[in-house]
């Protein structure tokens, strides 16, 4: 059910995307060098392995929070757990992810992206 909500959210976002010329220029000018791409790829692999170690419910809540950008109240409505419980699950799950990844500084989000830590 949570996956469907995330999919619906992203489908809806596709219809409302407009790019300014400045945004396109910025995307083109910010090309990454091969070394940076390799580092980002390794980081994403580490994060994927850490996420795979989580329970399905934890992964779904993380996806709703950081992938879909939902608030805890919205996540609570979608998943059927209380808002307080969503906060506790997020806190504990992020703590597990930090432990799994080793150190917080190992994961540096790309510019403009929200960090999960």
N, C-alpha and C. Protein backbone atom coordinates (compact mmCIF):
# COMPACT_ATOMS: atom_id res chain seq x y z
N UNK A 1 0.82 -1.17 0.00
CA UNK A 1 0.00 0.00 0.00
C UNK A 1 0.88 1.26 0.00
N UNK A 2 1.93 1.24 0.82
CA UNK A 2 2.83 2.39 0.90
C UNK A 2 3.54 2.61 -0.44
N UNK A 3 3.94 1.52 -1.06
CA UNK A 3 4.60 1.64 -2.36
C UNK A 3 3.70 2.30 -3.39
N UNK A 4 2.42 1.93 -3.36
CA UNK A 4 1.48 2.52 -4.30
C UNK A 4 1.32 4.01 -4.06
N UNK A 5 1.32 4.43 -2.81
CA UNK A 5 1.21 5.85 -2.49
C UNK A 5 2.43 6.59 -3.02
N UNK A 6 3.62 6.01 -2.82
CA UNK A 6 4.84 6.64 -3.33
C UNK A 6 4.80 6.72 -4.85
N UNK A 7 4.39 5.64 -5.50
CA UNK A 7 4.30 5.64 -6.97
C UNK A 7 3.31 6.69 -7.46
N UNK A 8 2.15 6.78 -6.81
CA UNK A 8 1.16 7.78 -7.20
C UNK A 8 1.71 9.19 -7.04
N UNK A 9 2.43 9.41 -5.96
CA UNK A 9 3.01 10.73 -5.72
C UNK A 9 3.95 11.12 -6.85
N UNK A 10 4.87 10.22 -7.21
CA UNK A 10 5.84 10.54 -8.25
C UNK A 10 5.18 10.66 -9.63
N UNK A 11 4.15 9.88 -9.88
CA UNK A 11 3.42 10.03 -11.14
C UNK A 11 2.79 11.41 -11.22
N UNK A 12 2.24 11.87 -10.12
CA UNK A 12 1.64 13.20 -10.08
C UNK A 12 2.67 14.30 -10.27
N UNK A 13 3.87 14.09 -9.76
CA UNK A 13 4.93 15.09 -9.90
C UNK A 13 5.38 15.23 -11.35
N UNK A 14 5.33 14.15 -12.10
CA UNK A 14 5.76 14.19 -13.50
C UNK A 14 4.91 15.17 -14.31
N UNK A 15 3.66 15.27 -13.98
CA UNK A 15 2.76 16.14 -14.73
C UNK A 15 3.02 17.62 -14.46
N UNK A 16 3.66 17.94 -13.35
CA UNK A 16 3.81 19.33 -12.93
C UNK A 16 5.24 19.82 -13.01
N UNK A 17 6.07 19.21 -13.79
CA UNK A 17 7.47 19.62 -13.86
C UNK A 17 7.67 20.66 -14.94
N UNK A 18 8.20 21.79 -14.53
CA UNK A 18 8.57 22.83 -15.46
C UNK A 18 9.99 23.24 -15.14
N UNK A 19 10.80 23.41 -16.16
CA UNK A 19 12.19 23.78 -15.96
C UNK A 19 12.44 25.15 -16.56
N UNK A 20 13.14 25.96 -15.80
CA UNK A 20 13.55 27.24 -16.35
C UNK A 20 14.87 27.04 -17.09
N UNK A 21 15.20 27.96 -17.95
CA UNK A 21 16.46 27.87 -18.68
C UNK A 21 17.65 27.93 -17.72
N UNK A 22 17.51 28.71 -16.66
CA UNK A 22 18.60 28.81 -15.68
C UNK A 22 18.83 27.47 -14.99
N UNK A 23 17.78 26.77 -14.68
CA UNK A 23 17.91 25.47 -14.03
C UNK A 23 18.61 24.48 -14.95
N UNK A 24 18.27 24.51 -16.23
CA UNK A 24 18.90 23.60 -17.20
C UNK A 24 20.38 23.94 -17.34
N UNK A 25 20.70 25.24 -17.43
CA UNK A 25 22.10 25.64 -17.51
C UNK A 25 22.88 25.16 -16.29
N UNK A 26 22.26 25.28 -15.12
CA UNK A 26 22.93 24.86 -13.89
C UNK A 26 23.17 23.35 -13.90
N UNK A 27 22.20 22.59 -14.38
CA UNK A 27 22.38 21.14 -14.46
C UNK A 27 23.54 20.77 -15.38
N UNK A 28 23.63 21.43 -16.51
CA UNK A 28 24.68 21.14 -17.48
C UNK A 28 26.05 21.55 -16.94
N UNK A 29 26.11 22.68 -16.26
CA UNK A 29 27.40 23.18 -15.78
C UNK A 29 27.92 22.42 -14.56
N UNK A 30 27.05 21.69 -13.88
CA UNK A 30 27.47 20.97 -12.67
C UNK A 30 27.84 19.52 -12.94
N UNK A 31 28.31 19.22 -14.11
CA UNK A 31 28.70 17.84 -14.42
C UNK A 31 29.81 17.40 -13.48
N UNK A 32 29.72 16.17 -13.07
CA UNK A 32 30.69 15.65 -12.11
C UNK A 32 31.82 14.93 -12.84
N UNK A 33 33.00 14.99 -12.24
CA UNK A 33 34.14 14.28 -12.81
C UNK A 33 34.03 12.80 -12.48
N UNK A 34 34.77 11.94 -13.18
CA UNK A 34 34.66 10.48 -12.97
C UNK A 34 34.95 10.05 -11.53
N UNK A 35 35.91 10.72 -10.89
CA UNK A 35 36.23 10.35 -9.51
C UNK A 35 35.03 10.59 -8.60
N UNK A 36 34.41 11.76 -8.74
CA UNK A 36 33.25 12.09 -7.91
C UNK A 36 32.09 11.13 -8.20
N UNK A 37 31.90 10.77 -9.46
CA UNK A 37 30.85 9.82 -9.82
C UNK A 37 31.09 8.46 -9.18
N UNK A 38 32.35 8.03 -9.13
CA UNK A 38 32.68 6.74 -8.50
C UNK A 38 32.39 6.79 -7.01
N UNK A 39 32.74 7.90 -6.37
CA UNK A 39 32.50 8.05 -4.93
C UNK A 39 31.01 8.04 -4.64
N UNK A 40 30.25 8.78 -5.44
CA UNK A 40 28.80 8.82 -5.26
C UNK A 40 28.21 7.43 -5.49
N UNK A 41 28.70 6.71 -6.50
CA UNK A 41 28.21 5.36 -6.77
C UNK A 41 28.47 4.42 -5.61
N UNK A 42 29.67 4.49 -5.03
CA UNK A 42 30.00 3.66 -3.87
C UNK A 42 29.11 4.01 -2.68
N UNK A 43 28.87 5.29 -2.49
CA UNK A 43 28.02 5.73 -1.40
C UNK A 43 26.61 5.22 -1.58
N UNK A 44 26.10 5.30 -2.80
CA UNK A 44 24.75 4.80 -3.06
C UNK A 44 24.68 3.28 -2.86
N UNK A 45 25.74 2.56 -3.24
CA UNK A 45 25.78 1.11 -3.01
C UNK A 45 25.74 0.80 -1.53
N UNK A 46 26.53 1.55 -0.75
CA UNK A 46 26.55 1.35 0.71
C UNK A 46 25.18 1.63 1.30
N UNK A 47 24.56 2.70 0.85
CA UNK A 47 23.23 3.04 1.35
C UNK A 47 22.21 1.98 0.96
N UNK A 48 22.31 1.46 -0.25
CA UNK A 48 21.39 0.40 -0.69
C UNK A 48 21.54 -0.86 0.16
N UNK A 49 22.78 -1.23 0.46
CA UNK A 49 23.01 -2.40 1.32
C UNK A 49 22.46 -2.17 2.72
N UNK A 50 22.65 -0.96 3.24
CA UNK A 50 22.14 -0.63 4.57
C UNK A 50 20.61 -0.66 4.59
N UNK A 51 19.99 -0.14 3.54
CA UNK A 51 18.53 -0.16 3.46
C UNK A 51 18.00 -1.59 3.33
N UNK A 52 18.73 -2.44 2.63
CA UNK A 52 18.32 -3.84 2.45
C UNK A 52 18.33 -4.59 3.79
N UNK A 53 19.14 -4.13 4.73
CA UNK A 53 19.22 -4.78 6.04
C UNK A 53 18.04 -4.43 6.93
N UNK A 54 17.24 -3.45 6.53
CA UNK A 54 16.09 -3.03 7.34
C UNK A 54 14.88 -3.91 7.06
N UNK A 55 13.95 -3.88 7.99
CA UNK A 55 12.68 -4.57 7.79
C UNK A 55 11.87 -3.81 6.74
N UNK A 56 10.94 -4.49 6.11
CA UNK A 56 10.14 -3.89 5.03
C UNK A 56 9.38 -2.66 5.52
N UNK A 57 8.80 -2.73 6.71
CA UNK A 57 8.06 -1.59 7.25
C UNK A 57 8.97 -0.38 7.44
N UNK A 58 10.18 -0.62 7.92
CA UNK A 58 11.13 0.47 8.12
C UNK A 58 11.53 1.10 6.78
N UNK A 59 11.79 0.25 5.77
CA UNK A 59 12.13 0.76 4.44
C UNK A 59 10.99 1.57 3.85
N UNK A 60 9.76 1.10 4.03
CA UNK A 60 8.61 1.82 3.49
C UNK A 60 8.44 3.18 4.15
N UNK A 61 8.63 3.24 5.46
CA UNK A 61 8.49 4.52 6.16
C UNK A 61 9.61 5.47 5.75
N UNK A 62 10.83 4.97 5.58
CA UNK A 62 11.94 5.80 5.10
C UNK A 62 11.62 6.31 3.69
N UNK A 63 11.07 5.44 2.85
CA UNK A 63 10.73 5.84 1.47
C UNK A 63 9.66 6.93 1.47
N UNK A 64 8.66 6.78 2.33
CA UNK A 64 7.61 7.78 2.39
C UNK A 64 8.12 9.11 2.92
N UNK A 65 9.02 9.05 3.90
CA UNK A 65 9.53 10.28 4.51
C UNK A 65 10.49 11.01 3.57
N UNK A 66 11.49 10.31 3.05
CA UNK A 66 12.54 10.97 2.28
C UNK A 66 12.36 10.84 0.77
N UNK A 67 11.71 9.79 0.31
CA UNK A 67 11.48 9.64 -1.12
C UNK A 67 10.28 10.45 -1.58
N UNK A 68 9.18 10.32 -0.84
CA UNK A 68 7.96 11.03 -1.22
C UNK A 68 7.84 12.37 -0.53
N UNK A 69 8.65 12.60 0.50
CA UNK A 69 8.62 13.89 1.20
C UNK A 69 7.38 14.09 2.06
N UNK A 70 6.79 13.00 2.52
CA UNK A 70 5.58 13.12 3.34
C UNK A 70 5.93 13.49 4.77
N UNK A 71 4.98 14.13 5.44
CA UNK A 71 5.14 14.46 6.87
C UNK A 71 4.71 13.25 7.69
N UNK A 72 5.10 13.25 8.97
CA UNK A 72 4.78 12.12 9.83
C UNK A 72 3.27 11.87 9.92
N UNK A 73 2.47 12.94 9.93
CA UNK A 73 1.01 12.76 10.00
C UNK A 73 0.49 12.06 8.75
N UNK A 74 1.04 12.41 7.60
CA UNK A 74 0.62 11.77 6.34
C UNK A 74 1.07 10.30 6.31
N UNK A 75 2.28 10.05 6.79
CA UNK A 75 2.78 8.67 6.84
C UNK A 75 1.91 7.84 7.77
N UNK A 76 1.51 8.43 8.89
CA UNK A 76 0.66 7.72 9.84
C UNK A 76 -0.67 7.34 9.19
N UNK A 77 -1.26 8.25 8.43
CA UNK A 77 -2.51 7.96 7.75
C UNK A 77 -2.35 6.83 6.74
N UNK A 78 -1.25 6.85 5.99
CA UNK A 78 -1.02 5.85 4.94
C UNK A 78 -0.74 4.47 5.53
N UNK A 79 0.07 4.43 6.59
CA UNK A 79 0.50 3.14 7.13
C UNK A 79 -0.40 2.58 8.22
N UNK A 80 -1.24 3.43 8.81
CA UNK A 80 -2.13 2.95 9.86
C UNK A 80 -1.51 2.89 11.24
N UNK A 81 -0.33 3.48 11.42
CA UNK A 81 0.27 3.56 12.75
C UNK A 81 0.12 4.99 13.25
N UNK A 82 0.30 5.20 14.54
CA UNK A 82 0.14 6.54 15.09
C UNK A 82 1.29 7.44 14.65
N UNK A 83 1.04 8.74 14.70
CA UNK A 83 2.07 9.71 14.32
C UNK A 83 3.29 9.60 15.23
N UNK A 84 3.05 9.40 16.51
CA UNK A 84 4.16 9.24 17.46
C UNK A 84 4.98 8.00 17.12
N UNK A 85 4.30 6.92 16.76
CA UNK A 85 4.99 5.68 16.42
C UNK A 85 5.83 5.87 15.15
N UNK A 86 5.33 6.64 14.19
CA UNK A 86 6.10 6.92 12.98
C UNK A 86 7.40 7.62 13.35
N UNK A 87 7.31 8.61 14.25
CA UNK A 87 8.51 9.33 14.69
C UNK A 87 9.51 8.41 15.36
N UNK A 88 9.02 7.51 16.19
CA UNK A 88 9.91 6.57 16.89
C UNK A 88 10.56 5.62 15.89
N UNK A 89 9.76 5.10 14.97
CA UNK A 89 10.30 4.18 13.96
C UNK A 89 11.36 4.88 13.12
N UNK A 90 11.08 6.12 12.71
CA UNK A 90 12.07 6.87 11.93
C UNK A 90 13.36 7.08 12.71
N UNK A 91 13.22 7.47 13.96
CA UNK A 91 14.40 7.71 14.80
C UNK A 91 15.24 6.44 14.93
N UNK A 92 14.60 5.34 15.26
CA UNK A 92 15.32 4.08 15.44
C UNK A 92 15.91 3.57 14.13
N UNK A 93 15.18 3.74 13.05
CA UNK A 93 15.66 3.28 11.75
C UNK A 93 16.86 4.10 11.30
N UNK A 94 16.82 5.40 11.48
CA UNK A 94 17.96 6.24 11.11
C UNK A 94 19.17 5.90 11.96
N UNK A 95 18.93 5.56 13.21
CA UNK A 95 20.02 5.13 14.09
C UNK A 95 20.64 3.83 13.57
N UNK A 96 19.80 2.90 13.11
CA UNK A 96 20.30 1.65 12.53
C UNK A 96 21.11 1.92 11.27
N UNK A 97 20.59 2.81 10.42
CA UNK A 97 21.29 3.13 9.19
C UNK A 97 22.66 3.75 9.46
N UNK A 98 22.71 4.65 10.44
CA UNK A 98 23.99 5.26 10.79
C UNK A 98 24.98 4.20 11.25
N UNK A 99 24.51 3.28 12.05
CA UNK A 99 25.38 2.21 12.54
C UNK A 99 25.83 1.32 11.38
N UNK A 100 24.92 1.01 10.49
CA UNK A 100 25.22 0.15 9.34
C UNK A 100 26.22 0.82 8.39
N UNK A 101 26.09 2.11 8.22
CA UNK A 101 26.98 2.84 7.30
C UNK A 101 28.33 3.16 7.93
N UNK A 102 28.44 3.03 9.22
CA UNK A 102 29.73 3.29 9.88
C UNK A 102 29.81 4.68 10.45
N UNK A 103 29.84 5.69 9.62
CA UNK A 103 29.91 7.05 10.13
C UNK A 103 29.02 7.96 9.31
N UNK A 104 28.54 8.98 9.94
CA UNK A 104 27.63 9.92 9.28
C UNK A 104 28.34 10.65 8.16
N UNK A 105 29.60 10.97 8.35
CA UNK A 105 30.33 11.75 7.34
C UNK A 105 30.58 10.97 6.07
N UNK A 106 30.40 9.65 6.11
CA UNK A 106 30.62 8.84 4.91
C UNK A 106 29.55 9.11 3.86
N UNK A 107 28.39 9.59 4.29
CA UNK A 107 27.32 9.86 3.35
C UNK A 107 27.12 11.36 3.23
N UNK A 108 27.54 11.90 2.12
CA UNK A 108 27.35 13.31 1.85
C UNK A 108 26.37 13.43 0.70
N UNK A 109 25.19 14.01 0.95
CA UNK A 109 24.21 14.11 -0.13
C UNK A 109 24.68 15.08 -1.20
N UNK A 110 24.18 14.85 -2.42
CA UNK A 110 24.50 15.76 -3.50
C UNK A 110 23.90 17.12 -3.19
N UNK A 111 24.47 18.14 -3.77
CA UNK A 111 24.00 19.50 -3.53
C UNK A 111 22.51 19.59 -3.90
N UNK A 112 21.75 20.20 -3.01
CA UNK A 112 20.34 20.36 -3.28
C UNK A 112 19.48 19.19 -2.85
N UNK A 113 20.09 18.10 -2.37
CA UNK A 113 19.33 16.93 -1.94
C UNK A 113 19.30 16.89 -0.43
N UNK A 114 18.23 16.37 0.11
CA UNK A 114 18.05 16.29 1.54
C UNK A 114 18.82 15.08 2.08
N UNK A 115 19.58 15.32 3.13
CA UNK A 115 20.29 14.22 3.78
C UNK A 115 19.33 13.45 4.65
N UNK A 116 19.55 12.16 4.77
CA UNK A 116 18.68 11.38 5.67
C UNK A 116 19.23 11.39 7.08
N UNK A 117 20.38 12.00 7.28
CA UNK A 117 20.97 12.07 8.62
C UNK A 117 20.97 13.48 9.13
